[in-house]
Amino acid sequence: MSRLDSFIRRLTAQRDILNSICDLVKETEGPVLEFGLGNGRTYDHLREHFPTRRIIAFDREVHSYSASTPPANDMVTGDIRESGQAFIGIGAALAHADIGTGHDEIDAITLTWLPQLVAGVLTRGGVAVSGLPLDWPELEPLPLPDGIKEGRYFLYRRR
């Protein structure tokens, strides 16, 4: 599979999962956290689905399109591993993390801290959507929507 086809499938899986969990998230109180703002496409999608929710985005630096950039009080810049720790216990209804690099050695380091961070920010029953697997005792894997290949994207609920 070409890298372009792989990218398209990953983004399609991301969108389809986010669309499928809207009702679960709407039943749960708390903010939405976006780990890895990037250019803001996913943030914009989340804003469309959760217009009344506070959405807090994290990234090393802001490189998003101006129309897809959160207000300053909802944009956290710096190393996500460090800056995210201040949000442990915030009781998020949804945490989305798309910070994988595709480089196994770099992603292995991210996986030493990301599962703990995601579990820590979610409320009980909160949903985690991630481009990387989040193997953590408090995160229960959920079935993926039809048509999404196992291992393409990951979906969890906080126990």
Protein backbone atom coordinates (compact mmCIF):
# COMPACT_ATOMS: atom_id res chain seq x y z
CA MET A 1 0.00 0.00 0.00
CA SER A 2 1.35 3.43 -0.87
CA ARG A 3 1.99 5.94 1.89
CA LEU A 4 -0.74 8.11 0.41
CA ASP A 5 -3.30 5.29 0.59
CA SER A 6 -2.18 4.50 4.14
CA PHE A 7 -2.58 8.16 5.15
CA ILE A 8 -6.06 8.33 3.62
CA ARG A 9 -7.12 5.16 5.42
CA ARG A 10 -5.78 6.47 8.72
CA LEU A 11 -7.66 9.75 8.39
CA THR A 12 -10.81 7.97 7.27
CA ALA A 13 -10.58 5.67 10.31
CA GLN A 14 -10.02 8.68 12.56
CA ARG A 15 -13.06 10.51 11.18
CA ASP A 16 -15.29 7.41 11.24
CA ILE A 17 -14.38 6.63 14.85
CA LEU A 18 -14.93 10.22 15.98
CA ASN A 19 -18.29 10.29 14.22
CA SER A 20 -19.30 6.98 15.79
CA ILE A 21 -18.59 8.01 19.38
CA CYS A 22 -20.45 11.33 19.38
CA ASP A 23 -23.43 9.94 21.29
CA LEU A 24 -21.15 8.30 23.90
CA VAL A 25 -19.35 11.56 24.46
CA LYS A 26 -22.55 13.63 24.57
CA GLU A 27 -23.74 11.43 27.47
CA THR A 28 -20.60 12.24 29.48
CA GLU A 29 -19.82 15.59 31.04
CA GLY A 30 -16.41 17.17 30.73
CA PRO A 31 -14.18 18.89 28.22
CA VAL A 32 -12.69 17.44 25.07
CA LEU A 33 -8.90 17.23 24.84
CA GLU A 34 -7.01 17.19 21.54
CA PHE A 35 -3.42 15.97 21.91
CA GLY A 36 -1.65 17.03 18.74
CA LEU A 37 -3.36 20.03 17.16
CA GLY A 38 -1.30 19.94 13.96
CA ASN A 39 -2.99 22.07 11.31
CA GLY A 40 -6.30 21.96 13.20
CA ARG A 41 -8.40 19.71 10.94
CA THR A 42 -9.41 17.35 13.74
CA TYR A 43 -9.93 20.22 16.16
CA ASP A 44 -12.30 21.78 13.63
CA HIS A 45 -14.14 18.46 13.28
CA LEU A 46 -14.47 18.12 17.05
CA ARG A 47 -15.70 21.70 17.33
CA GLU A 48 -18.39 20.95 14.75
CA HIS A 49 -19.60 17.87 16.66
CA PHE A 50 -19.31 19.36 20.16
CA PRO A 51 -20.10 23.06 19.71
CA THR A 52 -20.95 23.65 23.37
CA ARG A 53 -17.95 21.82 24.82
CA ARG A 54 -14.70 23.30 25.91
CA ILE A 55 -12.04 21.83 23.63
CA ILE A 56 -8.46 22.11 24.86
CA ALA A 57 -5.72 21.48 22.32
CA PHE A 58 -2.08 20.61 22.96
CA ASP A 59 0.92 20.83 20.67
CA ARG A 60 4.59 21.68 20.79
CA GLU A 61 3.96 24.85 18.77
CA VAL A 62 0.93 26.33 17.03
CA HIS A 63 0.98 25.68 13.28
CA SER A 64 -2.76 25.40 12.68
CA TYR A 65 -4.82 27.45 10.26
CA SER A 66 -6.09 30.56 12.01
CA ALA A 67 -9.73 29.46 11.63
CA SER A 68 -8.82 26.12 13.25
CA THR A 69 -6.84 27.47 16.17
CA PRO A 70 -8.37 27.39 19.65
CA PRO A 71 -8.61 30.56 21.72
CA ALA A 72 -5.44 31.23 23.72
CA ASN A 73 -6.93 29.95 27.00
CA ASP A 74 -7.66 26.56 25.34
CA MET A 75 -4.32 26.18 23.53
CA VAL A 76 -1.53 24.53 25.52
CA THR A 77 1.90 24.72 23.95
CA GLY A 78 5.06 22.88 24.87
CA ASP A 79 6.03 19.26 25.29
CA ILE A 80 2.73 17.35 25.63
CA ARG A 81 4.34 14.83 27.98
CA GLU A 82 5.01 17.65 30.43
CA SER A 83 2.18 20.11 29.77
CA GLY A 84 -0.49 17.40 29.81
CA GLN A 85 0.34 16.43 33.39
CA ALA A 86 -1.29 19.63 34.65
CA PHE A 87 -4.60 18.30 33.28
CA ILE A 88 -4.61 14.97 35.12
CA GLY A 89 -7.96 14.78 36.90
CA ILE A 90 -9.73 17.31 34.64
CA GLY A 91 -12.48 14.74 33.96
CA ALA A 92 -12.49 14.89 30.17
CA ALA A 93 -15.33 13.24 28.28
CA LEU A 94 -13.07 12.64 25.27
CA ALA A 95 -9.33 12.57 24.72
CA HIS A 96 -8.09 12.30 21.15
CA ALA A 97 -4.39 11.71 20.54
CA ASP A 98 -2.94 11.71 17.06
CA ILE A 99 0.73 12.16 17.88
CA GLY A 100 2.28 9.06 16.38
CA THR A 101 5.18 9.68 14.03
CA GLY A 102 5.34 6.40 12.12
CA HIS A 103 8.86 5.89 13.46
CA ASP A 104 8.79 2.87 15.77
CA GLU A 105 11.63 4.06 18.00
CA ILE A 106 10.04 7.49 18.59
CA ASP A 107 6.54 6.10 19.06
CA ALA A 108 7.90 3.56 21.58
CA ILE A 109 9.05 6.46 23.75
CA THR A 110 5.66 8.18 23.42
CA LEU A 111 3.97 4.96 24.52
CA THR A 112 5.90 5.07 27.82
CA TRP A 113 3.84 8.11 28.92
CA LEU A 114 0.80 8.62 26.63
CA PRO A 115 -1.45 5.81 28.01
CA GLN A 116 -1.02 7.08 31.59
CA LEU A 117 -1.72 10.65 30.50
CA VAL A 118 -4.86 9.77 28.55
CA ALA A 119 -6.25 7.60 31.35
CA GLY A 120 -5.46 10.34 33.86
CA VAL A 121 -7.32 13.11 32.05
CA LEU A 122 -10.48 11.09 31.34
CA THR A 123 -13.49 10.85 33.60
CA ARG A 124 -14.93 7.43 34.36
CA GLY A 125 -16.75 6.38 31.19
CA GLY A 126 -14.81 8.91 29.11
CA VAL A 127 -13.67 7.90 25.64
CA ALA A 128 -10.13 7.81 24.24
CA VAL A 129 -9.39 7.77 20.52
CA SER A 130 -5.77 7.33 19.50
CA GLY A 131 -3.53 6.68 16.55
CA LEU A 132 -1.30 4.67 18.89
CA PRO A 133 -2.36 1.72 21.07
CA LEU A 134 -2.97 2.71 24.68
CA ASP A 135 -2.25 -0.33 26.80
CA TRP A 136 -3.24 0.77 30.30
CA PRO A 137 -5.29 -1.02 33.00
CA GLU A 138 -7.90 1.77 33.28
CA LEU A 139 -8.53 1.84 29.52
CA GLU A 140 -10.90 -0.78 28.14
CA PRO A 141 -10.66 -1.37 24.38
CA LEU A 142 -13.92 -0.79 22.52
CA PRO A 143 -14.91 -2.37 19.20
CA LEU A 144 -14.10 -0.31 16.15
CA PRO A 145 -16.82 0.76 13.73
CA ASP A 146 -17.42 -1.54 10.78
CA GLY A 147 -14.90 -1.19 8.01
CA ILE A 148 -11.96 -0.08 10.14
CA LYS A 149 -9.07 -2.52 10.15
CA GLU A 150 -7.76 -3.55 13.58
CA GLY A 151 -4.57 -1.67 14.39
CA ARG A 152 -5.36 1.27 12.09
CA TYR A 153 -6.72 3.42 14.94
CA PHE A 154 -7.68 2.66 18.54
CA LEU A 155 -10.74 3.25 20.71
CA TYR A 156 -11.08 2.93 24.50
CA ARG A 157 -13.35 3.75 27.40
CA ARG A 158 -12.06 4.77 30.84
CA ARG A 159 -13.08 2.20 33.47
